[in-house]
Amino acid sequence: MSFAIATTLHEALVALAAGARPIAGGSDLVVAARHGKAPLPESLIAIHRIGELMEITESVDGLRIGALVTHATLMAHPMIGDGYSGLADASALVGSPSTRNVGTIGGNVMNASPAMDTGAPLLVLGAAAALRSAGGHRLVALGELWAGPGRTTAAADELCVALVLPFRPPRSGSAYVRLEYRRAMEIAVVGAAAAVVLEADGTIHSVAVALTAVAPTIVAVSGLDELIGADTNDEVTLDAISAAAAAQASPISDLRASDRYRRHCVGVMARRAFEAASHRAAGEMIDIPVNRAYGIGAGR
C-alpha cells in the first residue's frame, strides 16, 4: 500500500487521477477493513490538511460546508443550528464524541450508507455535492448522487469538496429524529427528517420529508404537495405524513429490527420530525438534538 498526504486540493486531485482513494477521518474506511467488508485500497491520499475543505461559508449559491467539516463542528455551529437545525440534530447523534470529532460530512455523504444520519436532513434541505476532479467540477443533487448502499454516481477521480445548501426562507424549520436503542455508537434503525416552510397565517407553504435506513438509499417521500395550505397541528395532516412515510418505505428484516417494525416506526418518526420542524418554523426554540429535547429513544 502507498500512502501520501496532500496539503493542497491540486495535489489531492492529481493523486485521485492516478488511482488513489481519499481518506480524511477514516471512520468508515478503517472500520470496514477491520470487519472484512472491504480491503484497504492499494493507494491512499490523505486530505485532512487541506484547509479550504474545512470551512463553512456563505456564497451566492447558499451555505457552503467544506467536505472536511466534522459532525462535532456542525452540531455546534451557529449558522447550522439557526438555519439548518435538522442537520445539527443529525450530526449530534452520529456515533460517539470521538467519532463526531473525526468523522467528516463529506466522508459521510460519499460513503452512501442508507443508514447515515445526516443524509435525510441534507436531502430535505435541498443539498447538493460539489465534486471536483483534475478535469473540472460539477454540482450534483444528493438524490442523484446516491446510487445504492455504498455506491454513488461520482467518478473514481472526483472528490467531494463541499456540500451546498440553498438559503432557507423566513418561517422555515427542519428537524431530524431517529429510533435508537442506546445513546452512543448507534446505527439508525429508522430515522426521518422534515423541512417545513409556513405561510404568515401558520399554514403549510411547503414540506419535505426523507427517511433513513428503510431502503437501499435515503428516501424522499413524495406526494406531500396535497398538504400545502393545511394546518400543521391538524391530525389529518399528521396522519397523512405518517402514512406516506410508512407506505413509501421498503425496509428489510435483520438482527436489529423486522421490516414490519421498521415500517411502523418510520411513520412515527416522520410525524415527530414534521412536528418538530413545524414548531421551529413557527419560532419555537427546540434544543439540539430533537431526540434529547423530546425524550425520544434510549434512556439516559
Protein backbone atom coordinates (compact mmCIF):
# COMPACT_ATOMS: atom_id res chain seq x y z
CA MET A 1 0.00 0.00 0.00
CA SER A 2 1.12 3.54 -0.74
CA PHE A 3 0.10 6.49 1.45
CA ALA A 4 0.64 10.20 0.85
CA ILE A 5 -0.60 13.41 2.45
CA ALA A 6 -1.93 16.22 0.28
CA THR A 7 -1.65 19.79 1.54
CA THR A 8 -3.41 21.37 -1.44
CA LEU A 9 -6.53 20.47 -3.39
CA HIS A 10 -4.48 20.25 -6.59
CA GLU A 11 -2.23 17.58 -5.05
CA ALA A 12 -5.25 15.56 -3.98
CA LEU A 13 -6.91 15.73 -7.40
CA VAL A 14 -3.71 14.66 -9.17
CA ALA A 15 -3.44 11.66 -6.83
CA LEU A 16 -7.08 10.71 -7.47
CA ALA A 17 -6.49 10.92 -11.21
CA ALA A 18 -3.64 8.44 -10.74
CA GLY A 19 -5.93 5.97 -8.94
CA ALA A 20 -5.61 6.90 -5.24
CA ARG A 21 -8.56 6.92 -2.88
CA PRO A 22 -9.07 9.85 -0.49
CA ILE A 23 -9.11 9.48 3.28
CA ALA A 24 -9.84 12.07 5.97
CA GLY A 25 -11.26 10.89 9.30
CA GLY A 26 -11.22 7.29 8.11
CA SER A 27 -14.05 6.35 10.46
CA ASP A 28 -15.82 4.34 7.72
CA LEU A 29 -12.86 3.11 5.67
CA VAL A 30 -10.85 1.68 8.56
CA VAL A 31 -13.84 0.07 10.28
CA ALA A 32 -14.92 -1.62 7.04
CA ALA A 33 -11.43 -3.01 6.53
CA ARG A 34 -11.21 -4.30 10.11
CA HIS A 35 -14.52 -6.12 9.75
CA GLY A 36 -13.55 -7.65 6.42
CA LYS A 37 -16.21 -5.79 4.45
CA ALA A 38 -13.73 -4.19 2.04
CA PRO A 39 -9.93 -4.29 1.80
CA LEU A 40 -7.96 -1.09 2.17
CA PRO A 41 -7.17 0.49 -1.21
CA GLU A 42 -3.71 0.00 -2.68
CA SER A 43 -3.16 3.76 -2.73
CA LEU A 44 -4.46 6.34 -0.26
CA ILE A 45 -4.21 10.11 -0.35
CA ALA A 46 -4.90 11.85 2.95
CA ILE A 47 -6.79 15.13 2.54
CA HIS A 48 -7.16 16.18 6.19
CA ARG A 49 -4.62 19.01 5.88
CA ILE A 50 -6.39 20.87 3.05
CA GLY A 51 -7.59 23.98 4.86
CA GLU A 52 -10.09 25.18 2.27
CA LEU A 53 -12.15 21.99 2.77
CA MET A 54 -12.66 22.75 6.48
CA GLU A 55 -14.64 25.98 6.08
CA ILE A 56 -18.32 26.87 6.39
CA THR A 57 -19.04 29.93 4.28
CA GLU A 58 -21.89 31.76 2.59
CA SER A 59 -21.90 32.33 -1.16
CA VAL A 60 -24.37 33.39 -3.83
CA ASP A 61 -25.38 29.73 -4.13
CA GLY A 62 -26.17 29.33 -0.43
CA LEU A 63 -24.36 27.89 2.56
CA ARG A 64 -21.22 26.00 1.59
CA ILE A 65 -19.99 23.33 4.01
CA GLY A 66 -16.50 22.07 3.30
CA ALA A 67 -16.20 18.31 2.95
CA LEU A 68 -13.79 18.12 5.92
CA VAL A 69 -16.14 19.82 8.38
CA THR A 70 -16.72 17.39 11.25
CA HIS A 71 -20.00 16.39 12.81
CA ALA A 72 -18.86 17.97 16.09
CA THR A 73 -18.47 21.30 14.30
CA LEU A 74 -21.85 21.01 12.56
CA MET A 75 -23.79 20.25 15.74
CA ALA A 76 -22.45 23.38 17.45
CA HIS A 77 -22.08 25.85 14.58
CA PRO A 78 -24.46 28.83 14.93
CA MET A 79 -25.28 29.05 11.20
CA ILE A 80 -26.20 25.37 11.12
CA GLY A 81 -28.19 25.47 14.34
CA ASP A 82 -30.09 28.60 13.33
CA GLY A 83 -30.95 27.88 9.70
CA TYR A 84 -30.35 24.15 9.17
CA SER A 85 -31.18 22.68 12.56
CA GLY A 86 -32.16 19.28 11.13
CA LEU A 87 -28.54 18.79 10.06
CA ALA A 88 -27.37 19.80 13.55
CA ASP A 89 -29.82 17.28 15.07
CA ALA A 90 -28.38 14.50 12.93
CA SER A 91 -24.75 15.46 13.48
CA ALA A 92 -25.28 15.37 17.25
CA LEU A 93 -26.44 11.74 17.02
CA VAL A 94 -23.56 10.38 14.94
CA GLY A 95 -21.50 7.72 16.74
CA SER A 96 -19.77 8.94 19.89
CA PRO A 97 -17.90 12.16 20.76
CA SER A 98 -14.70 10.69 19.31
CA THR A 99 -16.49 9.70 16.09
CA ARG A 100 -18.07 13.13 15.75
CA ASN A 101 -14.70 14.82 16.15
CA VAL A 102 -13.01 12.86 13.36
CA GLY A 103 -15.88 11.91 11.03
CA THR A 104 -16.48 14.39 8.22
CA ILE A 105 -19.63 15.38 6.39
CA GLY A 106 -18.00 14.72 3.00
CA GLY A 107 -16.97 11.23 4.00
CA ASN A 108 -20.43 10.54 5.41
CA VAL A 109 -22.14 11.60 2.18
CA MET A 110 -19.75 9.77 -0.14
CA ASN A 111 -19.92 6.57 1.93
CA ALA A 112 -23.57 6.47 0.77
CA SER A 113 -24.96 4.40 3.62
CA PRO A 114 -28.77 4.40 3.67
CA ALA A 115 -28.49 4.47 7.47
CA MET A 116 -26.42 7.68 7.63
CA ASP A 117 -28.00 10.19 9.98
CA THR A 118 -27.03 13.30 8.01
CA GLY A 119 -28.42 12.07 4.69
CA ALA A 120 -32.14 12.66 5.31
CA PRO A 121 -31.78 16.24 6.62
CA LEU A 122 -29.40 17.12 3.79
CA LEU A 123 -31.94 15.77 1.30
CA VAL A 124 -34.93 17.73 2.68
CA LEU A 125 -32.77 20.87 2.85
CA GLY A 126 -32.02 20.58 -0.88
CA ALA A 127 -28.28 19.95 -0.55
CA ALA A 128 -26.01 19.22 -3.49
CA ALA A 129 -22.48 17.81 -3.55
CA ALA A 130 -19.74 19.89 -5.14
CA LEU A 131 -17.47 17.42 -6.96
CA ARG A 132 -14.02 18.28 -8.30
CA SER A 133 -11.59 16.38 -10.50
CA ALA A 134 -8.41 17.31 -12.31
CA GLY A 135 -10.60 17.88 -15.38
CA GLY A 136 -13.34 20.06 -13.96
CA HIS A 137 -16.13 20.40 -11.43
CA ARG A 138 -19.88 19.86 -11.13
CA LEU A 139 -22.73 20.17 -8.64
CA VAL A 140 -24.87 17.04 -8.09
CA ALA A 141 -28.13 16.90 -6.13
CA LEU A 142 -27.88 14.26 -3.43
CA GLY A 143 -30.89 12.40 -4.79
CA GLU A 144 -28.90 11.90 -7.99
CA LEU A 145 -25.61 11.15 -6.22
CA TRP A 146 -26.65 8.13 -4.15
CA ALA A 147 -26.99 5.05 -6.34
CA GLY A 148 -27.27 2.32 -3.69
CA PRO A 149 -25.66 1.13 -0.46
CA GLY A 150 -22.05 2.30 -0.59
CA ARG A 151 -22.38 3.47 -4.21
CA THR A 152 -22.52 6.93 -5.77
CA THR A 153 -22.62 8.29 -9.30
CA ALA A 154 -19.34 10.15 -8.75
CA ALA A 155 -16.42 9.14 -10.95
CA ALA A 156 -13.43 7.50 -9.30
CA ASP A 157 -11.31 10.62 -9.81
CA GLU A 158 -13.92 13.02 -8.40
CA LEU A 159 -13.56 14.41 -4.89
CA CYS A 160 -16.44 15.83 -2.88
CA VAL A 161 -15.11 19.22 -1.83
CA ALA A 162 -18.28 20.68 -0.26
CA LEU A 163 -21.99 20.38 0.36
CA VAL A 164 -24.02 23.35 -0.88
CA LEU A 165 -27.34 24.11 0.82
CA PRO A 166 -29.71 26.79 -0.53
CA PHE A 167 -30.60 29.58 1.85
CA ARG A 168 -33.72 28.92 3.88
CA PRO A 169 -36.66 31.34 3.57
CA PRO A 170 -38.34 33.06 6.53
CA ARG A 171 -40.69 30.96 8.69
CA SER A 172 -38.82 27.76 7.92
CA GLY A 173 -37.68 24.95 10.19
CA SER A 174 -36.18 21.49 9.96
CA ALA A 175 -35.63 18.54 12.25
CA TYR A 176 -34.24 15.01 12.32
CA VAL A 177 -35.25 12.22 14.70
CA ARG A 178 -34.37 8.55 14.84
CA LEU A 179 -35.32 5.43 16.71
CA GLU A 180 -32.39 4.42 18.87
CA TYR A 181 -31.75 1.61 21.34
CA ARG A 182 -28.78 3.28 23.01
CA ARG A 183 -27.26 6.75 23.30
CA ALA A 184 -23.85 6.24 21.63
CA MET A 185 -22.29 4.26 18.77
CA GLU A 186 -25.76 3.52 17.42
CA ILE A 187 -26.64 2.93 13.78
CA ALA A 188 -30.09 4.19 12.89
CA VAL A 189 -32.79 1.53 12.99
CA VAL A 190 -35.07 4.06 11.28
CA GLY A 191 -34.92 7.83 11.09
CA ALA A 192 -36.75 10.72 9.47
CA ALA A 193 -36.09 14.35 8.62
CA ALA A 194 -38.55 17.09 7.76
CA ALA A 195 -38.23 20.63 6.44
CA VAL A 196 -41.23 22.96 6.64
CA VAL A 197 -41.94 26.50 5.44
CA LEU A 198 -45.01 28.24 6.84
CA GLU A 199 -47.25 30.95 5.47
CA ALA A 200 -47.82 34.08 7.57
CA ASP A 201 -51.02 32.53 8.92
CA GLY A 202 -49.17 29.42 10.08
CA THR A 203 -50.39 27.04 7.37
CA ILE A 204 -48.02 24.95 5.27
CA HIS A 205 -46.29 26.69 2.36
CA SER A 206 -44.01 23.73 1.60
CA VAL A 207 -42.96 20.48 3.24
CA ALA A 208 -40.31 17.84 2.56
CA VAL A 209 -39.74 14.55 4.39
CA ALA A 210 -36.95 11.99 3.94
CA LEU A 211 -36.37 8.60 5.54
CA THR A 212 -33.29 6.83 6.89
CA ALA A 213 -32.49 3.10 6.94
CA VAL A 214 -35.65 1.87 5.22
CA ALA A 215 -34.46 1.44 1.60
CA PRO A 216 -31.23 0.99 -0.40
CA THR A 217 -30.81 4.79 -0.37
CA ILE A 218 -32.23 7.68 1.64
CA VAL A 219 -35.90 8.02 0.61
CA ALA A 220 -37.51 11.35 -0.31
CA VAL A 221 -41.23 10.99 0.48
CA SER A 222 -43.38 12.02 -2.48
CA GLY A 223 -46.98 13.18 -2.74
CA LEU A 224 -46.87 15.77 0.05
CA ASP A 225 -47.95 18.72 -2.13
CA GLU A 226 -51.55 17.99 -1.18
CA LEU A 227 -50.69 19.24 2.32
CA ILE A 228 -49.92 22.77 1.14
CA GLY A 229 -52.28 25.14 2.91
CA ALA A 230 -53.04 22.65 5.68
CA ASP A 231 -52.78 23.27 9.40
CA THR A 232 -49.61 21.73 10.85
CA ASN A 233 -51.45 20.69 14.03
CA ASP A 234 -54.34 19.00 12.24
CA GLU A 235 -54.46 15.27 12.98
CA VAL A 236 -55.38 14.65 9.34
CA THR A 237 -52.12 16.33 8.29
CA LEU A 238 -50.06 14.40 10.83
CA ASP A 239 -51.67 11.10 9.87
CA ALA A 240 -51.00 11.83 6.19
CA ILE A 241 -47.28 12.40 6.90
CA SER A 242 -47.06 9.17 8.86
CA ALA A 243 -49.00 7.13 6.32
CA ALA A 244 -46.96 8.40 3.35
CA ALA A 245 -43.68 7.59 5.10
CA ALA A 246 -44.78 4.07 6.04
CA ALA A 247 -46.17 3.37 2.56
CA GLN A 248 -43.05 4.51 0.71
CA ALA A 249 -40.55 2.72 2.91
CA SER A 250 -39.16 -0.63 1.75
CA PRO A 251 -37.30 -1.89 4.82
CA ILE A 252 -35.59 -5.22 5.35
CA SER A 253 -35.59 -7.54 8.36
CA ASP A 254 -32.29 -8.10 10.14
CA LEU A 255 -30.95 -8.71 13.64
CA ARG A 256 -31.82 -5.18 14.72
CA ALA A 257 -35.47 -5.00 13.62
CA SER A 258 -38.08 -6.62 11.40
CA ASP A 259 -39.36 -4.97 8.24
CA ARG A 260 -42.83 -4.67 9.80
CA TYR A 261 -41.47 -2.95 12.90
CA ARG A 262 -39.34 -0.56 10.82
CA ARG A 263 -42.28 0.35 8.58
CA HIS A 264 -44.44 1.24 11.58
CA CYS A 265 -41.68 3.14 13.38
CA VAL A 266 -40.63 5.20 10.38
CA GLY A 267 -44.16 6.57 10.15
CA VAL A 268 -43.95 7.58 13.81
CA MET A 269 -40.52 9.17 13.31
CA ALA A 270 -41.70 11.09 10.23
CA ARG A 271 -44.61 12.53 12.18
CA ARG A 272 -42.33 13.57 15.04
CA ALA A 273 -39.80 15.16 12.69
CA PHE A 274 -42.57 17.09 10.95
CA GLU A 275 -43.99 18.29 14.28
CA ALA A 276 -40.58 19.48 15.49
CA ALA A 277 -39.78 21.18 12.17
CA SER A 278 -43.18 22.93 12.22
CA HIS A 279 -42.64 24.21 15.76
CA ARG A 280 -39.23 25.54 14.81
CA ALA A 281 -40.68 27.20 11.70
CA ALA A 282 -43.22 28.90 13.97
CA GLY A 283 -40.37 30.34 16.05
CA GLU A 284 -40.25 27.84 18.91
CA MET A 285 -36.79 27.08 20.25
CA ILE A 286 -36.15 23.34 20.47
CA ASP A 287 -32.79 22.14 21.75
CA ILE A 288 -30.46 20.15 19.51
CA PRO A 289 -30.84 17.25 19.03
CA VAL A 290 -34.61 16.81 18.96
CA ASN A 291 -34.18 13.24 20.23
CA ARG A 292 -32.93 14.56 23.57
CA ALA A 293 -35.30 17.54 23.72
CA TYR A 294 -38.34 15.34 23.13
CA GLY A 295 -37.11 12.32 25.09
CA ILE A 296 -37.10 10.08 22.01
CA GLY A 297 -35.09 6.88 22.09
CA ALA A 298 -32.81 5.37 24.69
CA GLY A 299 -32.90 6.48 28.30
CA ARG A 300 -30.15 8.47 29.93
